Amino acid sequence: MSEVIEQIKQQIEANTVLLYMKGNPNQPQCGFSARTVQALMEVGKRFAYVDILSNPEIRANLPAYANWPTFPQLWVNGELVGGCDIITEMAENGELKELIDAAVPDEA
């Protein structure tokens, strides 16, 4: 198990904006992941993702590591931002764009 936790830590550290989701951004495998991806796409910055359906060890261990029971999970700058409801609300009030714009500088 500790190898999986180490892998999760490395993924979070290596990616400024990381979404743990079911499926991938082009083919989300659940409505919550689809809505979260949509909110991120509207911000217009690159983000990394991990498909938890094809990574069952991560799916099993991430909720305990994050102390967050559900997916998707959005991480920005090593901090858990939250799941679908939080991300959707942040997208609606502009906080998501502010958070990601601050974390990810404009690409030249």
N, C-alpha and C. Protein backbone atom coordinates (compact mmCIF):
# COMPACT_ATOMS: atom_id res chain seq x y z
N MET A 1 0.81 -1.20 0.00
CA MET A 1 0.00 0.00 0.00
C MET A 1 0.85 1.26 0.00
N SER A 2 1.96 1.27 0.74
CA SER A 2 2.77 2.48 0.81
C SER A 2 3.30 2.90 -0.55
N GLU A 3 3.53 1.94 -1.45
CA GLU A 3 3.97 2.28 -2.81
C GLU A 3 2.90 3.09 -3.53
N VAL A 4 1.65 2.71 -3.33
CA VAL A 4 0.54 3.43 -3.96
C VAL A 4 0.43 4.84 -3.40
N ILE A 5 0.56 4.98 -2.09
CA ILE A 5 0.52 6.31 -1.46
C ILE A 5 1.67 7.16 -2.00
N GLU A 6 2.84 6.57 -2.15
CA GLU A 6 3.98 7.30 -2.70
C GLU A 6 3.70 7.73 -4.14
N GLN A 7 3.08 6.85 -4.91
CA GLN A 7 2.72 7.18 -6.29
C GLN A 7 1.73 8.35 -6.32
N ILE A 8 0.74 8.32 -5.45
CA ILE A 8 -0.24 9.41 -5.37
C ILE A 8 0.47 10.72 -5.02
N LYS A 9 1.35 10.69 -4.02
CA LYS A 9 2.09 11.89 -3.63
C LYS A 9 2.88 12.45 -4.81
N GLN A 10 3.56 11.55 -5.54
CA GLN A 10 4.36 12.00 -6.69
C GLN A 10 3.48 12.62 -7.77
N GLN A 11 2.32 12.01 -8.02
CA GLN A 11 1.41 12.56 -9.03
C GLN A 11 0.95 13.96 -8.64
N ILE A 12 0.61 14.12 -7.37
CA ILE A 12 0.11 15.41 -6.89
C ILE A 12 1.22 16.46 -6.94
N GLU A 13 2.44 16.06 -6.57
CA GLU A 13 3.56 17.00 -6.59
C GLU A 13 3.98 17.36 -8.01
N ALA A 14 3.88 16.43 -8.94
CA ALA A 14 4.38 16.63 -10.30
C ALA A 14 3.42 17.44 -11.18
N ASN A 15 2.16 17.55 -10.77
CA ASN A 15 1.16 18.21 -11.60
C ASN A 15 0.50 19.35 -10.83
N THR A 16 0.63 20.55 -11.35
CA THR A 16 0.06 21.72 -10.69
C THR A 16 -1.45 21.58 -10.56
N VAL A 17 -2.10 21.15 -11.64
CA VAL A 17 -3.54 20.93 -11.63
C VAL A 17 -3.78 19.48 -12.01
N LEU A 18 -4.33 18.70 -11.08
CA LEU A 18 -4.50 17.27 -11.29
C LEU A 18 -5.91 16.86 -10.91
N LEU A 19 -6.56 16.14 -11.82
CA LEU A 19 -7.91 15.66 -11.57
C LEU A 19 -7.90 14.14 -11.53
N TYR A 20 -8.32 13.60 -10.41
CA TYR A 20 -8.56 12.16 -10.31
C TYR A 20 -10.01 11.96 -10.70
N MET A 21 -10.25 11.19 -11.76
CA MET A 21 -11.60 11.08 -12.30
C MET A 21 -11.88 9.68 -12.82
N LYS A 22 -13.13 9.44 -13.13
CA LYS A 22 -13.53 8.19 -13.77
C LYS A 22 -13.55 8.42 -15.27
N GLY A 23 -12.67 7.71 -15.98
CA GLY A 23 -12.53 7.90 -17.42
C GLY A 23 -11.47 8.92 -17.73
N ASN A 24 -11.61 9.59 -18.87
CA ASN A 24 -10.67 10.63 -19.26
C ASN A 24 -11.45 11.85 -19.73
N PRO A 25 -10.78 12.99 -19.90
CA PRO A 25 -11.51 14.21 -20.24
C PRO A 25 -12.35 14.09 -21.52
N ASN A 26 -11.92 13.27 -22.46
CA ASN A 26 -12.70 13.11 -23.69
C ASN A 26 -13.84 12.13 -23.54
N GLN A 27 -13.72 11.22 -22.59
CA GLN A 27 -14.76 10.22 -22.34
C GLN A 27 -14.94 9.99 -20.85
N PRO A 28 -15.50 10.96 -20.14
CA PRO A 28 -15.75 10.75 -18.72
C PRO A 28 -16.71 9.59 -18.52
N GLN A 29 -16.49 8.81 -17.46
CA GLN A 29 -17.30 7.63 -17.22
C GLN A 29 -18.35 7.84 -16.14
N CYS A 30 -18.53 9.08 -15.70
CA CYS A 30 -19.64 9.37 -14.79
C CYS A 30 -19.99 10.84 -14.93
N GLY A 31 -21.21 11.17 -14.56
CA GLY A 31 -21.69 12.53 -14.70
C GLY A 31 -20.90 13.54 -13.88
N PHE A 32 -20.49 13.13 -12.68
CA PHE A 32 -19.73 14.04 -11.82
C PHE A 32 -18.38 14.38 -12.46
N SER A 33 -17.71 13.36 -13.00
CA SER A 33 -16.44 13.61 -13.69
C SER A 33 -16.67 14.49 -14.91
N ALA A 34 -17.75 14.24 -15.64
CA ALA A 34 -18.05 15.03 -16.85
C ALA A 34 -18.25 16.50 -16.49
N ARG A 35 -19.00 16.78 -15.42
CA ARG A 35 -19.25 18.16 -15.03
C ARG A 35 -17.98 18.85 -14.56
N THR A 36 -17.14 18.10 -13.84
CA THR A 36 -15.89 18.68 -13.35
C THR A 36 -14.96 19.00 -14.51
N VAL A 37 -14.86 18.07 -15.47
CA VAL A 37 -14.03 18.30 -16.66
C VAL A 37 -14.53 19.54 -17.42
N GLN A 38 -15.84 19.66 -17.57
CA GLN A 38 -16.42 20.80 -18.26
C GLN A 38 -16.01 22.11 -17.59
N ALA A 39 -16.09 22.14 -16.27
CA ALA A 39 -15.70 23.34 -15.52
C ALA A 39 -14.22 23.66 -15.75
N LEU A 40 -13.38 22.64 -15.74
CA LEU A 40 -11.94 22.85 -15.97
C LEU A 40 -11.67 23.30 -17.39
N MET A 41 -12.36 22.70 -18.36
CA MET A 41 -12.16 23.08 -19.77
C MET A 41 -12.50 24.56 -19.98
N GLU A 42 -13.52 25.03 -19.28
CA GLU A 42 -13.94 26.42 -19.44
C GLU A 42 -12.88 27.39 -18.93
N VAL A 43 -12.05 26.95 -17.98
CA VAL A 43 -10.95 27.80 -17.51
C VAL A 43 -9.91 27.96 -18.61
N GLY A 44 -9.73 26.91 -19.41
CA GLY A 44 -8.86 27.02 -20.57
C GLY A 44 -7.39 26.76 -20.31
N LYS A 45 -7.06 26.16 -19.17
CA LYS A 45 -5.66 25.82 -18.89
C LYS A 45 -5.49 24.31 -18.92
N ARG A 46 -4.26 23.91 -19.18
CA ARG A 46 -3.97 22.47 -19.19
C ARG A 46 -4.12 21.90 -17.79
N PHE A 47 -4.57 20.66 -17.74
CA PHE A 47 -4.60 19.95 -16.46
C PHE A 47 -4.29 18.49 -16.72
N ALA A 48 -3.71 17.87 -15.72
CA ALA A 48 -3.40 16.44 -15.80
C ALA A 48 -4.57 15.68 -15.19
N TYR A 49 -4.67 14.40 -15.55
CA TYR A 49 -5.73 13.59 -14.95
C TYR A 49 -5.21 12.18 -14.74
N VAL A 50 -5.86 11.49 -13.82
CA VAL A 50 -5.61 10.07 -13.59
C VAL A 50 -6.97 9.39 -13.65
N ASP A 51 -7.08 8.38 -14.50
CA ASP A 51 -8.31 7.60 -14.60
C ASP A 51 -8.28 6.55 -13.51
N ILE A 52 -9.12 6.74 -12.49
CA ILE A 52 -9.11 5.81 -11.36
C ILE A 52 -9.70 4.45 -11.73
N LEU A 53 -10.48 4.39 -12.82
CA LEU A 53 -11.04 3.11 -13.23
C LEU A 53 -9.95 2.18 -13.76
N SER A 54 -8.93 2.76 -14.38
CA SER A 54 -7.83 1.92 -14.87
C SER A 54 -6.68 1.87 -13.87
N ASN A 55 -6.85 2.48 -12.71
CA ASN A 55 -5.86 2.45 -11.64
C ASN A 55 -6.55 2.08 -10.32
N PRO A 56 -6.98 0.82 -10.19
CA PRO A 56 -7.78 0.44 -9.01
C PRO A 56 -7.06 0.64 -7.68
N GLU A 57 -5.73 0.54 -7.65
CA GLU A 57 -5.01 0.75 -6.40
C GLU A 57 -5.15 2.20 -5.95
N ILE A 58 -5.05 3.12 -6.90
CA ILE A 58 -5.23 4.53 -6.57
C ILE A 58 -6.66 4.78 -6.14
N ARG A 59 -7.60 4.19 -6.86
CA ARG A 59 -9.02 4.36 -6.51
C ARG A 59 -9.28 3.89 -5.07
N ALA A 60 -8.62 2.81 -4.68
CA ALA A 60 -8.84 2.24 -3.35
C ALA A 60 -8.16 3.07 -2.26
N ASN A 61 -7.02 3.68 -2.56
CA ASN A 61 -6.22 4.33 -1.52
C ASN A 61 -6.35 5.85 -1.45
N LEU A 62 -6.71 6.48 -2.55
CA LEU A 62 -6.76 7.95 -2.55
C LEU A 62 -7.78 8.51 -1.55
N PRO A 63 -8.98 7.94 -1.42
CA PRO A 63 -9.92 8.53 -0.45
C PRO A 63 -9.35 8.62 0.97
N ALA A 64 -8.62 7.62 1.40
CA ALA A 64 -8.02 7.66 2.73
C ALA A 64 -6.90 8.69 2.78
N TYR A 65 -6.07 8.74 1.74
CA TYR A 65 -4.97 9.70 1.69
C TYR A 65 -5.52 11.13 1.72
N ALA A 66 -6.56 11.36 0.92
CA ALA A 66 -7.10 12.71 0.77
C ALA A 66 -8.09 13.07 1.88
N ASN A 67 -8.55 12.05 2.60
CA ASN A 67 -9.61 12.24 3.57
C ASN A 67 -10.85 12.81 2.87
N TRP A 68 -11.10 12.29 1.67
CA TRP A 68 -12.22 12.72 0.83
C TRP A 68 -12.76 11.46 0.17
N PRO A 69 -14.01 11.08 0.43
CA PRO A 69 -14.48 9.74 0.06
C PRO A 69 -14.85 9.53 -1.41
N THR A 70 -15.06 10.60 -2.16
CA THR A 70 -15.65 10.43 -3.49
C THR A 70 -14.73 10.91 -4.60
N PHE A 71 -15.12 10.59 -5.82
CA PHE A 71 -14.45 11.07 -7.03
C PHE A 71 -15.47 11.82 -7.86
N PRO A 72 -15.03 12.75 -8.66
CA PRO A 72 -13.64 13.17 -8.91
C PRO A 72 -13.06 13.97 -7.74
N GLN A 73 -11.73 14.11 -7.79
CA GLN A 73 -11.01 14.96 -6.84
C GLN A 73 -10.10 15.87 -7.63
N LEU A 74 -10.19 17.16 -7.38
CA LEU A 74 -9.32 18.13 -8.04
C LEU A 74 -8.27 18.60 -7.04
N TRP A 75 -7.02 18.51 -7.46
CA TRP A 75 -5.88 18.98 -6.66
C TRP A 75 -5.20 20.12 -7.41
N VAL A 76 -4.91 21.21 -6.72
CA VAL A 76 -4.21 22.35 -7.30
C VAL A 76 -3.07 22.72 -6.34
N ASN A 77 -1.87 22.79 -6.88
CA ASN A 77 -0.69 23.11 -6.07
C ASN A 77 -0.57 22.23 -4.84
N GLY A 78 -0.86 20.94 -5.01
CA GLY A 78 -0.68 20.00 -3.92
C GLY A 78 -1.79 20.01 -2.88
N GLU A 79 -2.82 20.82 -3.09
CA GLU A 79 -3.93 20.91 -2.13
C GLU A 79 -5.19 20.34 -2.76
N LEU A 80 -5.93 19.58 -1.99
CA LEU A 80 -7.23 19.09 -2.45
C LEU A 80 -8.20 20.25 -2.47
N VAL A 81 -8.76 20.54 -3.65
CA VAL A 81 -9.75 21.61 -3.77
C VAL A 81 -11.13 21.04 -3.44
N GLY A 82 -11.44 19.87 -3.99
CA GLY A 82 -12.72 19.24 -3.68
C GLY A 82 -13.23 18.42 -4.84
N GLY A 83 -14.51 18.09 -4.76
CA GLY A 83 -15.16 17.27 -5.76
C GLY A 83 -16.08 18.07 -6.66
N CYS A 84 -16.97 17.37 -7.33
CA CYS A 84 -17.81 17.97 -8.35
C CYS A 84 -18.61 19.17 -7.85
N ASP A 85 -19.30 19.03 -6.73
CA ASP A 85 -20.16 20.12 -6.25
C ASP A 85 -19.35 21.38 -5.97
N ILE A 86 -18.23 21.21 -5.31
CA ILE A 86 -17.38 22.35 -4.97
C ILE A 86 -16.82 22.99 -6.24
N ILE A 87 -16.34 22.16 -7.16
CA ILE A 87 -15.75 22.68 -8.40
C ILE A 87 -16.80 23.41 -9.22
N THR A 88 -18.01 22.83 -9.32
CA THR A 88 -19.08 23.47 -10.09
C THR A 88 -19.43 24.83 -9.49
N GLU A 89 -19.54 24.87 -8.16
CA GLU A 89 -19.86 26.13 -7.49
C GLU A 89 -18.74 27.16 -7.71
N MET A 90 -17.49 26.71 -7.60
CA MET A 90 -16.36 27.62 -7.81
C MET A 90 -16.32 28.12 -9.25
N ALA A 91 -16.69 27.26 -10.20
CA ALA A 91 -16.71 27.68 -11.61
C ALA A 91 -17.77 28.75 -11.82
N GLU A 92 -18.92 28.57 -11.18
CA GLU A 92 -20.02 29.52 -11.35
C GLU A 92 -19.70 30.89 -10.76
N ASN A 93 -18.97 30.93 -9.65
CA ASN A 93 -18.71 32.23 -9.04
C ASN A 93 -17.34 32.81 -9.39
N GLY A 94 -16.61 32.13 -10.30
CA GLY A 94 -15.34 32.67 -10.79
C GLY A 94 -14.12 32.26 -9.98
N GLU A 95 -14.32 31.58 -8.84
CA GLU A 95 -13.18 31.22 -8.00
C GLU A 95 -12.27 30.18 -8.66
N LEU A 96 -12.86 29.26 -9.43
CA LEU A 96 -12.04 28.22 -10.05
C LEU A 96 -11.06 28.83 -11.03
N LYS A 97 -11.54 29.75 -11.87
CA LYS A 97 -10.65 30.40 -12.84
C LYS A 97 -9.55 31.16 -12.11
N GLU A 98 -9.90 31.89 -11.05
CA GLU A 98 -8.88 32.62 -10.28
C GLU A 98 -7.83 31.68 -9.72
N LEU A 99 -8.29 30.58 -9.13
CA LEU A 99 -7.38 29.61 -8.51
C LEU A 99 -6.43 29.02 -9.55
N ILE A 100 -6.97 28.59 -10.68
CA ILE A 100 -6.15 27.93 -11.69
C ILE A 100 -5.28 28.94 -12.43
N ASP A 101 -5.81 30.13 -12.72
CA ASP A 101 -4.99 31.16 -13.35
C ASP A 101 -3.79 31.52 -12.47
N ALA A 102 -4.00 31.54 -11.17
CA ALA A 102 -2.89 31.86 -10.26
C ALA A 102 -1.88 30.72 -10.21
N ALA A 103 -2.36 29.49 -10.34
CA ALA A 103 -1.48 28.32 -10.25
C ALA A 103 -0.74 28.05 -11.54
N VAL A 104 -1.39 28.34 -12.67
CA VAL A 104 -0.83 28.01 -13.98
C VAL A 104 -0.63 29.30 -14.76
N PRO A 105 0.62 29.75 -14.91
CA PRO A 105 0.85 30.97 -15.67
C PRO A 105 0.48 30.78 -17.14
N ASP A 106 0.15 31.87 -17.79
CA ASP A 106 -0.19 31.80 -19.21
C ASP A 106 1.00 31.25 -19.99
N GLU A 107 0.68 30.38 -20.94
CA GLU A 107 1.74 29.80 -21.76
C GLU A 107 2.14 30.80 -22.83
N ALA A 108 3.42 30.91 -23.06
CA ALA A 108 3.91 31.88 -24.04
C ALA A 108 3.61 31.42 -25.45
